[in-house]
Amino acid sequence: MKAQLFRTQTCLILLLIPGARIPRPAAQESVAQLQERFDQESNSGQKAKLLIRLGQAEFVASRQAGEKGDYSTVDVLMEKYRDNVQVAFQALKKEHPNDSNFGAYRSMEIHLRKSLRELQETIITVPPEYVPPLQLVRKDLEEVQDQLLRQLFPKRPGEKSPSPPQKKPSSP
């Protein structure tokens, strides 16, 4: 009982002393560092994984900029995020064109779905003059998400596949 009280008092004292805080884990990588790694990555699967971390960092930075009222930074970050999504998706399609079971497609689609929800919340909170560019970003991201879903689920029930063109009989 006395030992527990002593530990509790010691912890409280340490928290009150400015330099004696409990060490925190290493700081998260900055957007710039993640962007540099993303740009240098040549493996599409790794690029997709980096996109997820980079996207999360960009949304955190976007939220912070929004809280400060710096909506032009929010716009720039979201446009850069859209560009990164398109680059990662094109790299995946290039390296794994017919591999719909490739896990990176699924991870990227899940991340993109969450990102679209967060982007919609951002669109609701920004001033009206910033809404149109963010809606364009959302539209582009929705197109990539649709392509991702088509890659993951190529055979869709109820959807007719385009019929091959009919050959006209040649006259003798």
C-alpha atoms as a PDB file:
ATOM      1  CA  MET A   1       0.000   0.000   0.000  1.00  0.00           C
ATOM      2  CA  LYS A   2       2.771   2.435   0.956  1.00  0.00           C
ATOM      3  CA  ALA A   3       4.820   1.399  -2.079  1.00  0.00           C
ATOM      4  CA  GLN A   4       1.908   2.090  -4.402  1.00  0.00           C
ATOM      5  CA  LEU A   5       1.321   5.512  -2.828  1.00  0.00           C
ATOM      6  CA  PHE A   6       5.034   6.304  -3.179  1.00  0.00           C
ATOM      7  CA  ARG A   7       5.013   5.334  -6.888  1.00  0.00           C
ATOM      8  CA  THR A   8       1.925   7.450  -7.527  1.00  0.00           C
ATOM      9  CA  GLN A   9       3.475  10.485  -5.797  1.00  0.00           C
ATOM     10  CA  THR A  10       6.751  10.004  -7.677  1.00  0.00           C
ATOM     11  CA  CYS A  11       4.940   9.847 -11.006  1.00  0.00           C
ATOM     12  CA  LEU A  12       3.000  12.999 -10.215  1.00  0.00           C
ATOM     13  CA  ILE A  13       6.170  14.854  -9.215  1.00  0.00           C
ATOM     14  CA  LEU A  14       7.961  13.728 -12.374  1.00  0.00           C
ATOM     15  CA  LEU A  15       5.083  14.956 -14.499  1.00  0.00           C
ATOM     16  CA  LEU A  16       5.205  18.359 -12.852  1.00  0.00           C
ATOM     17  CA  ILE A  17       8.971  18.828 -13.347  1.00  0.00           C
ATOM     18  CA  PRO A  18       9.496  20.289 -16.842  1.00  0.00           C
ATOM     19  CA  GLY A  19      12.518  18.266 -18.025  1.00  0.00           C
ATOM     20  CA  ALA A  20      11.524  14.970 -16.407  1.00  0.00           C
ATOM     21  CA  ARG A  21       8.795  13.859 -18.762  1.00  0.00           C
ATOM     22  CA  ILE A  22       8.465  10.283 -19.860  1.00  0.00           C
ATOM     23  CA  PRO A  23      10.219   9.916 -23.205  1.00  0.00           C
ATOM     24  CA  ARG A  24       7.869   9.692 -26.160  1.00  0.00           C
ATOM     25  CA  PRO A  25       8.413   7.366 -29.087  1.00  0.00           C
ATOM     26  CA  ALA A  26      10.336   8.745 -32.051  1.00  0.00           C
ATOM     27  CA  ALA A  27       8.442  11.439 -33.904  1.00  0.00           C
ATOM     28  CA  GLN A  28       6.416  10.458 -36.928  1.00  0.00           C
ATOM     29  CA  GLU A  29       8.060  10.985 -40.269  1.00  0.00           C
ATOM     30  CA  SER A  30       7.204  14.318 -41.814  1.00  0.00           C
ATOM     31  CA  VAL A  31       5.187  14.680 -44.998  1.00  0.00           C
ATOM     32  CA  ALA A  32       8.333  15.825 -46.830  1.00  0.00           C
ATOM     33  CA  GLN A  33      10.319  12.759 -45.734  1.00  0.00           C
ATOM     34  CA  LEU A  34       7.519  10.381 -46.682  1.00  0.00           C
ATOM     35  CA  GLN A  35       7.026  12.176 -50.005  1.00  0.00           C
ATOM     36  CA  GLU A  36      10.718  11.795 -50.795  1.00  0.00           C
ATOM     37  CA  ARG A  37      10.618   8.073 -50.003  1.00  0.00           C
ATOM     38  CA  PHE A  38       7.417   7.695 -52.043  1.00  0.00           C
ATOM     39  CA  ASP A  39       8.966   9.432 -55.058  1.00  0.00           C
ATOM     40  CA  GLN A  40      12.084   7.251 -54.896  1.00  0.00           C
ATOM     41  CA  GLU A  41      10.283   3.914 -54.433  1.00  0.00           C
ATOM     42  CA  SER A  42      10.261   1.746 -57.543  1.00  0.00           C
ATOM     43  CA  ASN A  43       8.361  -1.297 -56.213  1.00  0.00           C
ATOM     44  CA  SER A  44       4.630  -0.721 -56.737  1.00  0.00           C
ATOM     45  CA  GLY A  45       3.607  -2.748 -53.673  1.00  0.00           C
ATOM     46  CA  GLN A  46       5.930  -0.759 -51.433  1.00  0.00           C
ATOM     47  CA  LYS A  47       4.788   2.446 -53.133  1.00  0.00           C
ATOM     48  CA  ALA A  48       1.171   1.576 -52.225  1.00  0.00           C
ATOM     49  CA  LYS A  49       2.186   0.949 -48.597  1.00  0.00           C
ATOM     50  CA  LEU A  50       4.042   4.247 -48.503  1.00  0.00           C
ATOM     51  CA  LEU A  51       1.018   5.966 -50.021  1.00  0.00           C
ATOM     52  CA  ILE A  52      -1.055   4.912 -47.024  1.00  0.00           C
ATOM     53  CA  ARG A  53       1.444   6.348 -44.540  1.00  0.00           C
ATOM     54  CA  LEU A  54       1.968   9.454 -46.662  1.00  0.00           C
ATOM     55  CA  GLY A  55      -1.781   9.955 -47.064  1.00  0.00           C
ATOM     56  CA  GLN A  56      -2.333   9.716 -43.327  1.00  0.00           C
ATOM     57  CA  ALA A  57       0.420  12.275 -42.728  1.00  0.00           C
ATOM     58  CA  GLU A  58      -1.039  14.576 -45.395  1.00  0.00           C
ATOM     59  CA  PHE A  59      -4.485  14.410 -43.803  1.00  0.00           C
ATOM     60  CA  VAL A  60      -3.011  15.190 -40.378  1.00  0.00           C
ATOM     61  CA  ALA A  61      -1.169  18.189 -41.839  1.00  0.00           C
ATOM     62  CA  SER A  62      -4.350  19.202 -43.663  1.00  0.00           C
ATOM     63  CA  ARG A  63      -6.377  19.091 -40.448  1.00  0.00           C
ATOM     64  CA  GLN A  64      -3.760  21.172 -38.655  1.00  0.00           C
ATOM     65  CA  ALA A  65      -3.727  23.735 -41.469  1.00  0.00           C
ATOM     66  CA  GLY A  66      -7.526  23.840 -41.425  1.00  0.00           C
ATOM     67  CA  GLU A  67      -7.546  24.496 -37.697  1.00  0.00           C
ATOM     68  CA  LYS A  68      -5.225  27.452 -38.308  1.00  0.00           C
ATOM     69  CA  GLY A  69      -7.429  28.726 -41.130  1.00  0.00           C
ATOM     70  CA  ASP A  70      -4.785  28.073 -43.793  1.00  0.00           C
ATOM     71  CA  TYR A  71      -7.138  26.637 -46.403  1.00  0.00           C
ATOM     72  CA  SER A  72      -4.804  27.143 -49.338  1.00  0.00           C
ATOM     73  CA  THR A  73      -2.415  24.664 -47.689  1.00  0.00           C
ATOM     74  CA  VAL A  74      -5.327  22.265 -47.245  1.00  0.00           C
ATOM     75  CA  ASP A  75      -6.053  22.551 -50.968  1.00  0.00           C
ATOM     76  CA  VAL A  76      -2.405  22.019 -51.953  1.00  0.00           C
ATOM     77  CA  LEU A  77      -2.069  18.988 -49.662  1.00  0.00           C
ATOM     78  CA  MET A  78      -5.221  17.359 -51.004  1.00  0.00           C
ATOM     79  CA  GLU A  79      -4.175  17.946 -54.615  1.00  0.00           C
ATOM     80  CA  LYS A  80      -0.767  16.418 -53.887  1.00  0.00           C
ATOM     81  CA  TYR A  81      -2.488  13.483 -52.208  1.00  0.00           C
ATOM     82  CA  ARG A  82      -4.637  12.945 -55.316  1.00  0.00           C
ATOM     83  CA  ASP A  83      -1.531  13.020 -57.515  1.00  0.00           C
ATOM     84  CA  ASN A  84       0.194  10.475 -55.266  1.00  0.00           C
ATOM     85  CA  VAL A  85      -2.837   8.162 -55.373  1.00  0.00           C
ATOM     86  CA  GLN A  86      -2.861   8.292 -59.164  1.00  0.00           C
ATOM     87  CA  VAL A  87       0.891   7.602 -59.378  1.00  0.00           C
ATOM     88  CA  ALA A  88       0.659   4.626 -56.993  1.00  0.00           C
ATOM     89  CA  PHE A  89      -2.352   3.182 -58.803  1.00  0.00           C
ATOM     90  CA  GLN A  90      -0.714   3.515 -62.222  1.00  0.00           C
ATOM     91  CA  ALA A  91       2.416   1.794 -60.869  1.00  0.00           C
ATOM     92  CA  LEU A  92       0.271  -1.070 -59.521  1.00  0.00           C
ATOM     93  CA  LYS A  93      -1.569  -1.439 -62.826  1.00  0.00           C
ATOM     94  CA  LYS A  94       1.716  -1.459 -64.714  1.00  0.00           C
ATOM     95  CA  GLU A  95       3.423  -4.113 -62.553  1.00  0.00           C
ATOM     96  CA  HIS A  96       0.344  -6.221 -61.715  1.00  0.00           C
ATOM     97  CA  PRO A  97      -2.184  -5.656 -64.507  1.00  0.00           C
ATOM     98  CA  ASN A  98      -4.211  -8.847 -64.084  1.00  0.00           C
ATOM     99  CA  ASP A  99      -3.489  -9.765 -60.471  1.00  0.00           C
ATOM    100  CA  SER A 100      -6.742  -8.804 -58.755  1.00  0.00           C
ATOM    101  CA  ASN A 101      -5.721 -10.776 -55.649  1.00  0.00           C
ATOM    102  CA  PHE A 102      -2.679  -8.611 -55.091  1.00  0.00           C
ATOM    103  CA  GLY A 103      -3.010  -7.270 -51.513  1.00  0.00           C
ATOM    104  CA  ALA A 104      -1.814  -3.790 -52.404  1.00  0.00           C
ATOM    105  CA  TYR A 105      -4.979  -3.181 -54.446  1.00  0.00           C
ATOM    106  CA  ARG A 106      -7.143  -4.033 -51.465  1.00  0.00           C
ATOM    107  CA  SER A 107      -5.089  -2.007 -48.974  1.00  0.00           C
ATOM    108  CA  MET A 108      -5.136   0.966 -51.278  1.00  0.00           C
ATOM    109  CA  GLU A 109      -8.905   0.721 -51.820  1.00  0.00           C
ATOM    110  CA  ILE A 110      -9.591   0.562 -48.075  1.00  0.00           C
ATOM    111  CA  HIS A 111      -7.323   3.539 -47.473  1.00  0.00           C
ATOM    112  CA  LEU A 112      -8.897   5.467 -50.329  1.00  0.00           C
ATOM    113  CA  ARG A 113     -12.399   4.808 -48.997  1.00  0.00           C
ATOM    114  CA  LYS A 114     -11.426   6.250 -45.600  1.00  0.00           C
ATOM    115  CA  SER A 115      -9.675   9.166 -47.279  1.00  0.00           C
ATOM    116  CA  LEU A 116     -12.756  10.025 -49.314  1.00  0.00           C
ATOM    117  CA  ARG A 117     -14.835  10.197 -46.136  1.00  0.00           C
ATOM    118  CA  GLU A 118     -12.300  12.480 -44.501  1.00  0.00           C
ATOM    119  CA  LEU A 119     -12.060  14.621 -47.632  1.00  0.00           C
ATOM    120  CA  GLN A 120     -15.846  15.006 -47.622  1.00  0.00           C
ATOM    121  CA  GLU A 121     -15.676  16.236 -44.012  1.00  0.00           C
ATOM    122  CA  THR A 122     -12.986  18.698 -45.075  1.00  0.00           C
ATOM    123  CA  ILE A 123     -15.128  19.951 -47.956  1.00  0.00           C
ATOM    124  CA  ILE A 124     -17.959  20.645 -45.522  1.00  0.00           C
ATOM    125  CA  THR A 125     -15.743  22.718 -43.219  1.00  0.00           C
ATOM    126  CA  VAL A 126     -13.790  24.873 -45.686  1.00  0.00           C
ATOM    127  CA  PRO A 127     -14.955  28.302 -46.903  1.00  0.00           C
ATOM    128  CA  PRO A 128     -17.005  28.283 -50.152  1.00  0.00           C
ATOM    129  CA  GLU A 129     -14.159  29.479 -52.391  1.00  0.00           C
ATOM    130  CA  TYR A 130     -12.140  26.323 -51.585  1.00  0.00           C
ATOM    131  CA  VAL A 131     -14.988  23.884 -52.214  1.00  0.00           C
ATOM    132  CA  PRO A 132     -14.747  23.570 -56.054  1.00  0.00           C
ATOM    133  CA  PRO A 133     -11.060  22.540 -56.174  1.00  0.00           C
ATOM    134  CA  LEU A 134     -11.595  20.038 -53.362  1.00  0.00           C
ATOM    135  CA  GLN A 135     -14.650  18.634 -55.157  1.00  0.00           C
ATOM    136  CA  LEU A 136     -12.464  18.077 -58.237  1.00  0.00           C
ATOM    137  CA  VAL A 137      -9.963  16.223 -56.055  1.00  0.00           C
ATOM    138  CA  ARG A 138     -12.795  14.119 -54.647  1.00  0.00           C
ATOM    139  CA  LYS A 139     -14.103  13.354 -58.155  1.00  0.00           C
ATOM    140  CA  ASP A 140     -10.641  12.224 -59.297  1.00  0.00           C
ATOM    141  CA  LEU A 141     -10.212  10.053 -56.199  1.00  0.00           C
ATOM    142  CA  GLU A 142     -13.640   8.497 -56.740  1.00  0.00           C
ATOM    143  CA  GLU A 143     -12.605   7.584 -60.296  1.00  0.00           C
ATOM    144  CA  VAL A 144      -9.457   5.874 -58.998  1.00  0.00           C
ATOM    145  CA  GLN A 145     -11.511   4.072 -56.369  1.00  0.00           C
ATOM    146  CA  ASP A 146     -13.903   2.854 -59.067  1.00  0.00           C
ATOM    147  CA  GLN A 147     -10.963   1.565 -61.122  1.00  0.00           C
ATOM    148  CA  LEU A 148      -9.562  -0.142 -58.018  1.00  0.00           C
ATOM    149  CA  LEU A 149     -12.888  -1.845 -57.385  1.00  0.00           C
ATOM    150  CA  ARG A 150     -13.065  -2.975 -61.005  1.00  0.00           C
ATOM    151  CA  GLN A 151      -9.543  -4.367 -60.647  1.00  0.00           C
ATOM    152  CA  LEU A 152     -10.469  -6.190 -57.451  1.00  0.00           C
ATOM    153  CA  PHE A 153     -13.826  -7.465 -58.761  1.00  0.00           C
ATOM    154  CA  PRO A 154     -13.558  -7.818 -62.534  1.00  0.00           C
ATOM    155  CA  LYS A 155     -16.634 -10.041 -62.860  1.00  0.00           C
ATOM    156  CA  ARG A 156     -19.675  -8.135 -61.694  1.00  0.00           C
ATOM    157  CA  PRO A 157     -23.020  -9.919 -61.583  1.00  0.00           C
ATOM    158  CA  GLY A 158     -25.774  -8.215 -63.526  1.00  0.00           C
ATOM    159  CA  GLU A 159     -23.352  -6.194 -65.597  1.00  0.00           C
ATOM    160  CA  LYS A 160     -23.345  -7.077 -69.264  1.00  0.00           C
ATOM    161  CA  SER A 161     -19.980  -7.367 -70.903  1.00  0.00           C
ATOM    162  CA  PRO A 162     -19.683  -5.493 -74.161  1.00  0.00           C
ATOM    163  CA  SER A 163     -20.465  -7.767 -77.066  1.00  0.00           C
ATOM    164  CA  PRO A 164     -17.862  -8.110 -79.803  1.00  0.00           C
ATOM    165  CA  PRO A 165     -18.585  -6.143 -82.979  1.00  0.00           C
ATOM    166  CA  GLN A 166     -20.632  -8.043 -85.524  1.00  0.00           C
ATOM    167  CA  LYS A 167     -18.961  -8.772 -88.852  1.00  0.00           C
ATOM    168  CA  LYS A 168     -21.007  -7.748 -91.814  1.00  0.00           C
ATOM    169  CA  PRO A 169     -21.352 -10.397 -94.485  1.00  0.00           C
ATOM    170  CA  SER A 170     -19.291  -9.527 -97.490  1.00  0.00           C
ATOM    171  CA  SER A 171     -21.038  -9.351-100.838  1.00  0.00           C
ATOM    172  CA  PRO A 172     -19.500 -11.319-103.713  1.00  0.00           C
END
